[in-house]
């Protein structure tokens, strides 16, 4: 089971993340822009939590509406300020092309505990980009396990 079945109670805005786990499920994306010469994209996601490890989903070739259903779990440290999910277009011959991203401040995630929704992608300077991504994010503290 990837996520708890119930919505967890919000926590106080003064928090310690030292024993907190963040489960991130990358579900789908839709309406991504055409990035390749032949009119489609080869999208994948990169996920980072604070200054932690960057995890990547598999590349889904030739689509503007990929489905991943991939989960990543992070042990969240007190210094972590945000969770970032960035979508890129993979290319064999050149560097990956940035499509868009969503970022969540840790304080927002802790207050919500569980998120399951579609989010509009944003540029690096937070302007609206083409496409949306469906995410499930669950914060679980040591006390809730």
C-alpha atoms as a PDB file:
ATOM      1  CA  UNK A   1       0.000   0.000   0.000  1.00  0.00           C
ATOM      2  CA  UNK A   2       1.468   3.337  -1.038  1.00  0.00           C
ATOM      3  CA  UNK A   3      -0.534   5.751   1.093  1.00  0.00           C
ATOM      4  CA  UNK A   4      -2.519   5.742   4.282  1.00  0.00           C
ATOM      5  CA  UNK A   5      -6.227   5.390   3.622  1.00  0.00           C
ATOM      6  CA  UNK A   6      -7.236   8.260   5.875  1.00  0.00           C
ATOM      7  CA  UNK A   7      -6.446  11.952   5.738  1.00  0.00           C
ATOM      8  CA  UNK A   8      -4.105  12.839   8.566  1.00  0.00           C
ATOM      9  CA  UNK A   9      -4.816  15.659  10.972  1.00  0.00           C
ATOM     10  CA  UNK A  10      -2.937  18.924  10.286  1.00  0.00           C
ATOM     11  CA  UNK A  11      -0.024  19.679  12.538  1.00  0.00           C
ATOM     12  CA  UNK A  12       0.922  22.920  14.219  1.00  0.00           C
ATOM     13  CA  UNK A  13       2.879  25.408  12.120  1.00  0.00           C
ATOM     14  CA  UNK A  14       5.900  25.071  14.475  1.00  0.00           C
ATOM     15  CA  UNK A  15       7.261  21.680  13.548  1.00  0.00           C
ATOM     16  CA  UNK A  16      10.252  19.409  13.612  1.00  0.00           C
ATOM     17  CA  UNK A  17      10.769  17.194  10.589  1.00  0.00           C
ATOM     18  CA  UNK A  18      13.523  15.063  12.073  1.00  0.00           C
ATOM     19  CA  UNK A  19      11.412  11.867  12.097  1.00  0.00           C
ATOM     20  CA  UNK A  20       9.135  12.635   9.147  1.00  0.00           C
ATOM     21  CA  UNK A  21       8.755  10.624   5.960  1.00  0.00           C
ATOM     22  CA  UNK A  22       7.455  12.129   2.728  1.00  0.00           C
ATOM     23  CA  UNK A  23       5.910   9.692   0.227  1.00  0.00           C
ATOM     24  CA  UNK A  24       5.638  11.116  -3.288  1.00  0.00           C
ATOM     25  CA  UNK A  25       3.624   9.262  -5.937  1.00  0.00           C
ATOM     26  CA  UNK A  26       4.088  10.583  -9.474  1.00  0.00           C
ATOM     27  CA  UNK A  27       0.892   9.469 -11.226  1.00  0.00           C
ATOM     28  CA  UNK A  28       0.322  11.120 -14.633  1.00  0.00           C
ATOM     29  CA  UNK A  29       0.822  14.266 -16.665  1.00  0.00           C
ATOM     30  CA  UNK A  30      -1.425  15.701 -19.345  1.00  0.00           C
ATOM     31  CA  UNK A  31      -1.315  18.305 -22.087  1.00  0.00           C
ATOM     32  CA  UNK A  32       2.480  18.569 -22.093  1.00  0.00           C
ATOM     33  CA  UNK A  33       4.028  20.693 -24.849  1.00  0.00           C
ATOM     34  CA  UNK A  34       5.485  19.169 -28.003  1.00  0.00           C
ATOM     35  CA  UNK A  35       9.250  19.141 -27.511  1.00  0.00           C
ATOM     36  CA  UNK A  36      10.541  16.725 -30.166  1.00  0.00           C
ATOM     37  CA  UNK A  37      11.024  17.203 -33.888  1.00  0.00           C
ATOM     38  CA  UNK A  38       8.163  14.847 -34.723  1.00  0.00           C
ATOM     39  CA  UNK A  39       5.631  16.565 -32.466  1.00  0.00           C
ATOM     40  CA  UNK A  40       5.663  14.567 -29.231  1.00  0.00           C
ATOM     41  CA  UNK A  41       7.770  14.420 -26.072  1.00  0.00           C
ATOM     42  CA  UNK A  42       9.725  11.832 -24.101  1.00  0.00           C
ATOM     43  CA  UNK A  43       8.875  13.066 -20.585  1.00  0.00           C
ATOM     44  CA  UNK A  44      10.274  12.046 -17.227  1.00  0.00           C
ATOM     45  CA  UNK A  45      10.168  13.610 -13.751  1.00  0.00           C
ATOM     46  CA  UNK A  46      12.944  14.513 -11.345  1.00  0.00           C
ATOM     47  CA  UNK A  47      11.996  14.732  -7.660  1.00  0.00           C
ATOM     48  CA  UNK A  48      14.022  16.415  -4.908  1.00  0.00           C
ATOM     49  CA  UNK A  49      13.179  16.972  -1.272  1.00  0.00           C
ATOM     50  CA  UNK A  50      15.370  19.631   0.308  1.00  0.00           C
ATOM     51  CA  UNK A  51      18.995  19.000  -0.582  1.00  0.00           C
ATOM     52  CA  UNK A  52      18.384  15.261  -0.712  1.00  0.00           C
ATOM     53  CA  UNK A  53      18.860  12.790  -3.505  1.00  0.00           C
ATOM     54  CA  UNK A  54      17.330  13.545  -6.913  1.00  0.00           C
ATOM     55  CA  UNK A  55      15.129  10.643  -7.991  1.00  0.00           C
ATOM     56  CA  UNK A  56      13.920  10.196 -11.562  1.00  0.00           C
ATOM     57  CA  UNK A  57      10.950   8.414 -13.058  1.00  0.00           C
ATOM     58  CA  UNK A  58      11.327   6.280 -16.141  1.00  0.00           C
ATOM     59  CA  UNK A  59      11.148   8.033 -19.511  1.00  0.00           C
ATOM     60  CA  UNK A  60       7.817   7.558 -21.297  1.00  0.00           C
ATOM     61  CA  UNK A  61       8.508   7.858 -25.014  1.00  0.00           C
ATOM     62  CA  UNK A  62       6.400   9.623 -27.644  1.00  0.00           C
ATOM     63  CA  UNK A  63       3.567  11.037 -25.560  1.00  0.00           C
ATOM     64  CA  UNK A  64       2.099  14.289 -24.285  1.00  0.00           C
ATOM     65  CA  UNK A  65       0.071  12.447 -21.603  1.00  0.00           C
ATOM     66  CA  UNK A  66       2.438  10.060 -19.763  1.00  0.00           C
ATOM     67  CA  UNK A  67       1.534   7.660 -16.959  1.00  0.00           C
ATOM     68  CA  UNK A  68       4.251   6.771 -14.442  1.00  0.00           C
ATOM     69  CA  UNK A  69       2.703   5.465 -11.189  1.00  0.00           C
ATOM     70  CA  UNK A  70       6.098   5.695  -9.480  1.00  0.00           C
ATOM     71  CA  UNK A  71       6.675   6.277  -5.776  1.00  0.00           C
ATOM     72  CA  UNK A  72       9.637   7.863  -4.000  1.00  0.00           C
ATOM     73  CA  UNK A  73      10.095   8.029  -0.234  1.00  0.00           C
ATOM     74  CA  UNK A  74      12.208  10.647   1.535  1.00  0.00           C
ATOM     75  CA  UNK A  75      13.300  10.957   5.127  1.00  0.00           C
ATOM     76  CA  UNK A  76      12.735  14.681   5.577  1.00  0.00           C
ATOM     77  CA  UNK A  77      15.380  16.658   7.439  1.00  0.00           C
ATOM     78  CA  UNK A  78      14.748  19.849   9.427  1.00  0.00           C
ATOM     79  CA  UNK A  79      16.738  21.865   6.859  1.00  0.00           C
ATOM     80  CA  UNK A  80      14.448  20.838   3.967  1.00  0.00           C
ATOM     81  CA  UNK A  81      12.560  23.896   2.688  1.00  0.00           C
ATOM     82  CA  UNK A  82      10.682  22.497  -0.316  1.00  0.00           C
ATOM     83  CA  UNK A  83       9.681  19.504  -2.377  1.00  0.00           C
ATOM     84  CA  UNK A  84      10.221  19.975  -6.115  1.00  0.00           C
ATOM     85  CA  UNK A  85       8.910  17.861  -8.980  1.00  0.00           C
ATOM     86  CA  UNK A  86      10.298  18.920 -12.359  1.00  0.00           C
ATOM     87  CA  UNK A  87       9.239  17.504 -15.732  1.00  0.00           C
ATOM     88  CA  UNK A  88      11.823  17.187 -18.501  1.00  0.00           C
ATOM     89  CA  UNK A  89      11.939  15.967 -22.083  1.00  0.00           C
ATOM     90  CA  UNK A  90      14.576  13.281 -22.578  1.00  0.00           C
ATOM     91  CA  UNK A  91      16.829  13.397 -25.617  1.00  0.00           C
ATOM     92  CA  UNK A  92      19.469  10.983 -26.867  1.00  0.00           C
ATOM     93  CA  UNK A  93      21.541  13.654 -28.609  1.00  0.00           C
ATOM     94  CA  UNK A  94      21.324  16.661 -26.299  1.00  0.00           C
ATOM     95  CA  UNK A  95      20.768  17.734 -22.710  1.00  0.00           C
ATOM     96  CA  UNK A  96      17.321  17.185 -21.188  1.00  0.00           C
ATOM     97  CA  UNK A  97      14.859  20.010 -21.889  1.00  0.00           C
ATOM     98  CA  UNK A  98      12.963  21.570 -18.997  1.00  0.00           C
ATOM     99  CA  UNK A  99       9.164  21.428 -19.469  1.00  0.00           C
ATOM    100  CA  UNK A 100       7.885  22.696 -16.128  1.00  0.00           C
ATOM    101  CA  UNK A 101       7.807  22.109 -12.391  1.00  0.00           C
ATOM    102  CA  UNK A 102       5.748  22.262  -9.230  1.00  0.00           C
ATOM    103  CA  UNK A 103       7.202  23.192  -5.858  1.00  0.00           C
ATOM    104  CA  UNK A 104       5.721  22.836  -2.396  1.00  0.00           C
ATOM    105  CA  UNK A 105       7.038  24.622   0.701  1.00  0.00           C
ATOM    106  CA  UNK A 106       7.528  22.120   3.543  1.00  0.00           C
ATOM    107  CA  UNK A 107       5.233  24.142   5.794  1.00  0.00           C
ATOM    108  CA  UNK A 108       2.373  23.675   3.279  1.00  0.00           C
ATOM    109  CA  UNK A 109       2.943  19.934   3.070  1.00  0.00           C
ATOM    110  CA  UNK A 110       3.090  19.505   6.835  1.00  0.00           C
ATOM    111  CA  UNK A 111      -0.147  21.469   7.273  1.00  0.00           C
ATOM    112  CA  UNK A 112      -1.924  19.394   4.601  1.00  0.00           C
ATOM    113  CA  UNK A 113      -0.394  15.997   5.481  1.00  0.00           C
ATOM    114  CA  UNK A 114      -2.021  14.365   2.409  1.00  0.00           C
ATOM    115  CA  UNK A 115      -2.437  15.784  -1.102  1.00  0.00           C
ATOM    116  CA  UNK A 116      -3.997  14.053  -4.117  1.00  0.00           C
ATOM    117  CA  UNK A 117      -4.598  16.452  -7.004  1.00  0.00           C
ATOM    118  CA  UNK A 118      -3.617  17.798 -10.418  1.00  0.00           C
ATOM    119  CA  UNK A 119      -1.189  20.733 -10.468  1.00  0.00           C
ATOM    120  CA  UNK A 120      -0.375  23.189 -13.268  1.00  0.00           C
ATOM    121  CA  UNK A 121       3.269  23.171 -14.255  1.00  0.00           C
ATOM    122  CA  UNK A 122       5.274  26.359 -13.723  1.00  0.00           C
ATOM    123  CA  UNK A 123       8.421  27.781 -15.284  1.00  0.00           C
ATOM    124  CA  UNK A 124      11.540  28.274 -13.155  1.00  0.00           C
ATOM    125  CA  UNK A 125      10.415  31.838 -12.442  1.00  0.00           C
ATOM    126  CA  UNK A 126       6.932  30.561 -11.415  1.00  0.00           C
ATOM    127  CA  UNK A 127       5.052  31.644 -14.544  1.00  0.00           C
ATOM    128  CA  UNK A 128       2.413  29.254 -15.880  1.00  0.00           C
ATOM    129  CA  UNK A 129       3.794  26.581 -18.226  1.00  0.00           C
ATOM    130  CA  UNK A 130       1.902  24.206 -20.513  1.00  0.00           C
ATOM    131  CA  UNK A 131       0.770  20.947 -18.898  1.00  0.00           C
ATOM    132  CA  UNK A 132      -0.378  19.506 -15.594  1.00  0.00           C
ATOM    133  CA  UNK A 133       0.841  16.731 -13.312  1.00  0.00           C
ATOM    134  CA  UNK A 134      -1.112  14.468 -10.956  1.00  0.00           C
ATOM    135  CA  UNK A 135       0.579  13.840  -7.611  1.00  0.00           C
ATOM    136  CA  UNK A 136      -0.127  12.103  -4.335  1.00  0.00           C
ATOM    137  CA  UNK A 137       1.978  13.376  -1.440  1.00  0.00           C
ATOM    138  CA  UNK A 138       1.787  12.002   2.080  1.00  0.00           C
ATOM    139  CA  UNK A 139       3.649  13.209   5.167  1.00  0.00           C
ATOM    140  CA  UNK A 140       3.956  10.613   7.921  1.00  0.00           C
ATOM    141  CA  UNK A 141       5.577  11.419  11.260  1.00  0.00           C
ATOM    142  CA  UNK A 142       7.084   8.844  13.605  1.00  0.00           C
ATOM    143  CA  UNK A 143       4.000   9.154  15.853  1.00  0.00           C
ATOM    144  CA  UNK A 144       1.648   8.309  12.949  1.00  0.00           C
ATOM    145  CA  UNK A 145       3.437   5.094  11.916  1.00  0.00           C
END
